[in-house]
N, C-alpha and C. Protein backbone atom coordinates (compact mmCIF):
# COMPACT_ATOMS: atom_id res chain seq x y z
N MET A 1 0.84 -1.16 0.00
CA MET A 1 0.00 0.00 0.00
C MET A 1 0.89 1.23 0.00
N SER A 2 0.63 2.10 -0.92
CA SER A 2 1.43 3.32 -0.97
C SER A 2 0.61 4.50 -0.47
N LEU A 3 1.27 5.38 0.22
CA LEU A 3 0.62 6.59 0.70
C LEU A 3 0.82 7.67 -0.35
N THR A 4 -0.28 8.05 -0.99
CA THR A 4 -0.21 9.04 -2.04
C THR A 4 -0.54 10.41 -1.47
N ILE A 5 0.36 11.33 -1.66
CA ILE A 5 0.14 12.69 -1.18
C ILE A 5 -0.55 13.51 -2.26
N GLY A 6 -0.26 13.24 -3.50
CA GLY A 6 -0.83 13.99 -4.61
C GLY A 6 -2.20 13.46 -5.01
N LYS A 7 -2.49 13.55 -6.28
CA LYS A 7 -3.78 13.12 -6.80
C LYS A 7 -3.90 11.60 -6.79
N LYS A 8 -5.13 11.13 -6.61
CA LYS A 8 -5.40 9.69 -6.68
C LYS A 8 -5.79 9.34 -8.10
N SER A 9 -5.48 8.11 -8.48
CA SER A 9 -5.88 7.65 -9.81
C SER A 9 -7.37 7.35 -9.81
N ILE A 10 -7.93 7.17 -10.98
CA ILE A 10 -9.36 6.87 -11.11
C ILE A 10 -9.68 5.55 -10.43
N GLY A 11 -8.82 4.58 -10.57
CA GLY A 11 -9.04 3.28 -9.92
C GLY A 11 -9.08 3.38 -8.41
N GLU A 12 -8.20 4.21 -7.86
CA GLU A 12 -8.21 4.41 -6.40
C GLU A 12 -9.47 5.11 -5.94
N LYS A 13 -9.95 6.08 -6.71
CA LYS A 13 -11.19 6.78 -6.36
C LYS A 13 -12.38 5.84 -6.42
N VAL A 14 -12.43 5.00 -7.45
CA VAL A 14 -13.53 4.04 -7.59
C VAL A 14 -13.49 3.05 -6.43
N PHE A 15 -12.32 2.55 -6.10
CA PHE A 15 -12.20 1.61 -4.99
C PHE A 15 -12.62 2.25 -3.67
N ASP A 16 -12.16 3.45 -3.41
CA ASP A 16 -12.51 4.14 -2.16
C ASP A 16 -14.03 4.35 -2.06
N THR A 17 -14.65 4.75 -3.16
CA THR A 17 -16.09 4.97 -3.17
C THR A 17 -16.84 3.66 -2.95
N ALA A 18 -16.44 2.61 -3.65
CA ALA A 18 -17.09 1.31 -3.49
C ALA A 18 -16.90 0.78 -2.06
N ASN A 19 -15.73 1.00 -1.51
CA ASN A 19 -15.43 0.55 -0.15
C ASN A 19 -16.32 1.27 0.86
N VAL A 20 -16.49 2.57 0.73
CA VAL A 20 -17.33 3.34 1.64
C VAL A 20 -18.79 2.89 1.53
N VAL A 21 -19.28 2.71 0.31
CA VAL A 21 -20.67 2.26 0.12
C VAL A 21 -20.87 0.89 0.75
N PHE A 22 -19.95 -0.03 0.54
CA PHE A 22 -20.06 -1.36 1.12
C PHE A 22 -20.07 -1.31 2.64
N LEU A 23 -19.18 -0.53 3.22
CA LEU A 23 -19.11 -0.45 4.69
C LEU A 23 -20.36 0.20 5.28
N ILE A 24 -20.93 1.18 4.61
CA ILE A 24 -22.17 1.79 5.09
C ILE A 24 -23.30 0.78 5.06
N LEU A 25 -23.44 0.05 3.94
CA LEU A 25 -24.49 -0.97 3.85
C LEU A 25 -24.29 -2.08 4.87
N PHE A 26 -23.06 -2.49 5.08
CA PHE A 26 -22.77 -3.53 6.06
C PHE A 26 -23.12 -3.06 7.47
N SER A 27 -22.78 -1.83 7.79
CA SER A 27 -23.07 -1.33 9.14
C SER A 27 -24.57 -1.19 9.36
N ILE A 28 -25.33 -0.83 8.34
CA ILE A 28 -26.79 -0.76 8.47
C ILE A 28 -27.36 -2.14 8.74
N THR A 29 -26.88 -3.16 8.03
CA THR A 29 -27.39 -4.51 8.25
C THR A 29 -26.98 -5.07 9.60
N ALA A 30 -25.93 -4.55 10.18
CA ALA A 30 -25.51 -5.01 11.51
C ALA A 30 -26.27 -4.31 12.61
N VAL A 31 -26.63 -3.05 12.43
CA VAL A 31 -27.28 -2.26 13.47
C VAL A 31 -28.80 -2.43 13.46
N TYR A 32 -29.40 -2.64 12.30
CA TYR A 32 -30.86 -2.69 12.19
C TYR A 32 -31.50 -3.77 13.06
N PRO A 33 -31.00 -5.01 13.11
CA PRO A 33 -31.63 -6.00 13.99
C PRO A 33 -31.60 -5.61 15.46
N PHE A 34 -30.53 -4.98 15.90
CA PHE A 34 -30.45 -4.52 17.28
C PHE A 34 -31.52 -3.46 17.55
N LEU A 35 -31.69 -2.51 16.65
CA LEU A 35 -32.72 -1.48 16.82
C LEU A 35 -34.11 -2.08 16.80
N ASN A 36 -34.32 -3.12 15.98
CA ASN A 36 -35.62 -3.78 15.94
C ASN A 36 -35.94 -4.45 17.27
N VAL A 37 -34.98 -5.14 17.86
CA VAL A 37 -35.21 -5.78 19.16
C VAL A 37 -35.50 -4.74 20.23
N MET A 38 -34.78 -3.63 20.21
CA MET A 38 -35.03 -2.57 21.18
C MET A 38 -36.43 -1.98 21.00
N SER A 39 -36.85 -1.80 19.75
CA SER A 39 -38.18 -1.27 19.48
C SER A 39 -39.26 -2.23 19.96
N ILE A 40 -39.06 -3.51 19.74
CA ILE A 40 -40.03 -4.52 20.20
C ILE A 40 -40.09 -4.53 21.72
N SER A 41 -38.96 -4.36 22.37
CA SER A 41 -38.97 -4.42 23.82
C SER A 41 -39.67 -3.22 24.45
N PHE A 42 -39.81 -2.12 23.73
CA PHE A 42 -40.53 -0.96 24.23
C PHE A 42 -41.94 -0.84 23.68
N SER A 43 -42.42 -1.88 22.95
CA SER A 43 -43.76 -1.89 22.39
C SER A 43 -44.66 -2.82 23.18
N THR A 44 -45.96 -2.64 22.99
CA THR A 44 -46.89 -3.62 23.53
C THR A 44 -46.80 -4.87 22.66
N SER A 45 -47.22 -6.00 23.19
CA SER A 45 -47.11 -7.24 22.42
C SER A 45 -48.01 -7.20 21.19
N SER A 46 -49.19 -6.60 21.29
CA SER A 46 -50.07 -6.53 20.12
C SER A 46 -49.47 -5.64 19.04
N ALA A 47 -48.85 -4.53 19.43
CA ALA A 47 -48.23 -3.64 18.45
C ALA A 47 -47.01 -4.31 17.81
N ALA A 48 -46.25 -5.05 18.60
CA ALA A 48 -45.06 -5.72 18.06
C ALA A 48 -45.45 -6.78 17.04
N ASN A 49 -46.54 -7.49 17.28
CA ASN A 49 -47.00 -8.52 16.35
C ASN A 49 -47.67 -7.92 15.13
N ALA A 50 -48.33 -6.79 15.28
CA ALA A 50 -49.09 -6.20 14.18
C ALA A 50 -48.22 -5.46 13.18
N TYR A 51 -47.18 -4.79 13.62
CA TYR A 51 -46.45 -3.90 12.73
C TYR A 51 -45.19 -4.50 12.12
N GLY A 52 -44.73 -5.65 12.55
CA GLY A 52 -43.54 -6.27 11.97
C GLY A 52 -42.27 -5.52 12.29
N LEU A 53 -41.32 -5.48 11.36
CA LEU A 53 -40.03 -4.81 11.57
C LEU A 53 -40.20 -3.30 11.58
N LYS A 54 -39.61 -2.68 12.58
CA LYS A 54 -39.70 -1.23 12.68
C LYS A 54 -38.54 -0.70 13.51
N LEU A 55 -38.29 0.58 13.39
CA LEU A 55 -37.22 1.20 14.16
C LEU A 55 -37.74 1.88 15.41
N TRP A 56 -39.00 2.34 15.41
CA TRP A 56 -39.58 3.04 16.56
C TRP A 56 -40.83 2.31 16.99
N PRO A 57 -41.06 2.21 18.29
CA PRO A 57 -42.28 1.53 18.77
C PRO A 57 -43.54 2.33 18.41
N GLN A 58 -44.60 1.62 18.01
CA GLN A 58 -45.87 2.28 17.67
C GLN A 58 -46.64 2.64 18.94
N GLU A 59 -46.72 1.72 19.88
CA GLU A 59 -47.37 1.95 21.17
C GLU A 59 -46.31 1.68 22.24
N VAL A 60 -45.95 2.69 23.00
CA VAL A 60 -44.86 2.55 23.97
C VAL A 60 -45.36 1.86 25.23
N SER A 61 -44.62 0.84 25.65
CA SER A 61 -44.91 0.10 26.88
C SER A 61 -43.62 -0.56 27.34
N LEU A 62 -43.45 -0.71 28.62
CA LEU A 62 -42.26 -1.38 29.16
C LEU A 62 -42.56 -2.81 29.59
N ASP A 63 -43.73 -3.36 29.22
CA ASP A 63 -44.13 -4.69 29.63
C ASP A 63 -43.34 -5.80 28.94
N ALA A 64 -42.90 -5.59 27.71
CA ALA A 64 -42.22 -6.65 26.96
C ALA A 64 -40.75 -6.80 27.36
N GLY A 65 -40.15 -5.78 27.94
CA GLY A 65 -38.74 -5.83 28.31
C GLY A 65 -38.38 -6.96 29.25
N PRO A 66 -39.07 -7.12 30.39
CA PRO A 66 -38.71 -8.21 31.30
C PRO A 66 -38.89 -9.59 30.69
N SER A 67 -39.90 -9.77 29.85
CA SER A 67 -40.10 -11.10 29.26
C SER A 67 -39.00 -11.42 28.25
N LEU A 68 -38.47 -10.41 27.57
CA LEU A 68 -37.36 -10.66 26.65
C LEU A 68 -36.09 -11.00 27.41
N ARG A 69 -35.87 -10.34 28.54
CA ARG A 69 -34.65 -10.59 29.31
C ARG A 69 -34.67 -11.93 30.02
N THR A 70 -35.85 -12.39 30.47
CA THR A 70 -35.92 -13.64 31.21
C THR A 70 -36.19 -14.84 30.33
N SER A 71 -36.61 -14.60 29.10
CA SER A 71 -36.93 -15.71 28.19
C SER A 71 -35.65 -16.35 27.68
N SER A 72 -35.66 -17.67 27.59
CA SER A 72 -34.49 -18.37 27.06
C SER A 72 -34.51 -18.39 25.53
N SER A 73 -35.62 -17.96 24.93
CA SER A 73 -35.73 -17.98 23.47
C SER A 73 -35.63 -16.58 22.88
N GLY A 74 -34.82 -15.70 23.47
CA GLY A 74 -34.65 -14.35 22.98
C GLY A 74 -34.25 -14.27 21.52
N PRO A 75 -33.20 -15.00 21.09
CA PRO A 75 -32.85 -14.97 19.66
C PRO A 75 -33.94 -15.53 18.77
N ALA A 76 -34.71 -16.50 19.29
CA ALA A 76 -35.80 -17.07 18.50
C ALA A 76 -36.87 -16.02 18.23
N ILE A 77 -37.10 -15.11 19.17
CA ILE A 77 -38.07 -14.04 18.96
C ILE A 77 -37.63 -13.16 17.80
N THR A 78 -36.37 -12.83 17.76
CA THR A 78 -35.86 -11.99 16.68
C THR A 78 -35.97 -12.70 15.35
N ILE A 79 -35.65 -13.98 15.31
CA ILE A 79 -35.71 -14.73 14.06
C ILE A 79 -37.16 -14.83 13.59
N ARG A 80 -38.09 -15.16 14.51
CA ARG A 80 -39.50 -15.25 14.12
C ARG A 80 -40.01 -13.91 13.63
N SER A 81 -39.63 -12.84 14.27
CA SER A 81 -40.06 -11.50 13.86
C SER A 81 -39.53 -11.18 12.47
N SER A 82 -38.28 -11.51 12.21
CA SER A 82 -37.68 -11.23 10.90
C SER A 82 -38.33 -12.05 9.81
N VAL A 83 -38.58 -13.33 10.08
CA VAL A 83 -39.19 -14.21 9.08
C VAL A 83 -40.62 -13.77 8.81
N ARG A 84 -41.35 -13.44 9.87
CA ARG A 84 -42.74 -13.04 9.72
C ARG A 84 -42.86 -11.78 8.89
N SER A 85 -42.03 -10.80 9.13
CA SER A 85 -42.14 -9.55 8.39
C SER A 85 -41.64 -9.69 6.96
N SER A 86 -40.66 -10.55 6.73
CA SER A 86 -40.18 -10.73 5.35
C SER A 86 -41.21 -11.52 4.53
N ALA A 87 -42.00 -12.35 5.18
CA ALA A 87 -43.04 -13.08 4.47
C ALA A 87 -44.18 -12.15 4.04
N ARG A 88 -44.39 -11.07 4.80
CA ARG A 88 -45.45 -10.11 4.47
C ARG A 88 -45.10 -9.28 3.27
N SER A 89 -43.84 -9.00 3.06
CA SER A 89 -43.45 -8.10 1.98
C SER A 89 -43.19 -8.81 0.69
């Protein structure tokens, strides 16, 4: 790898742009499931089942949080939620 102080070639610019786009898309796919679980934990159970994948809770409630923390099937909830919402679209 060379450190270029002057102008970058077209190939380097294309690579840098493609690299940034890929990393942004990758980071979105890594953060979105976490935000979905947090949104479900702050929603009522009926709202969580009705609205599918979302970033913000539709009806705010703290009732689902303890059941997610004490349930042994926490990852299964996320998988079922993801599969259910992808089947709707």
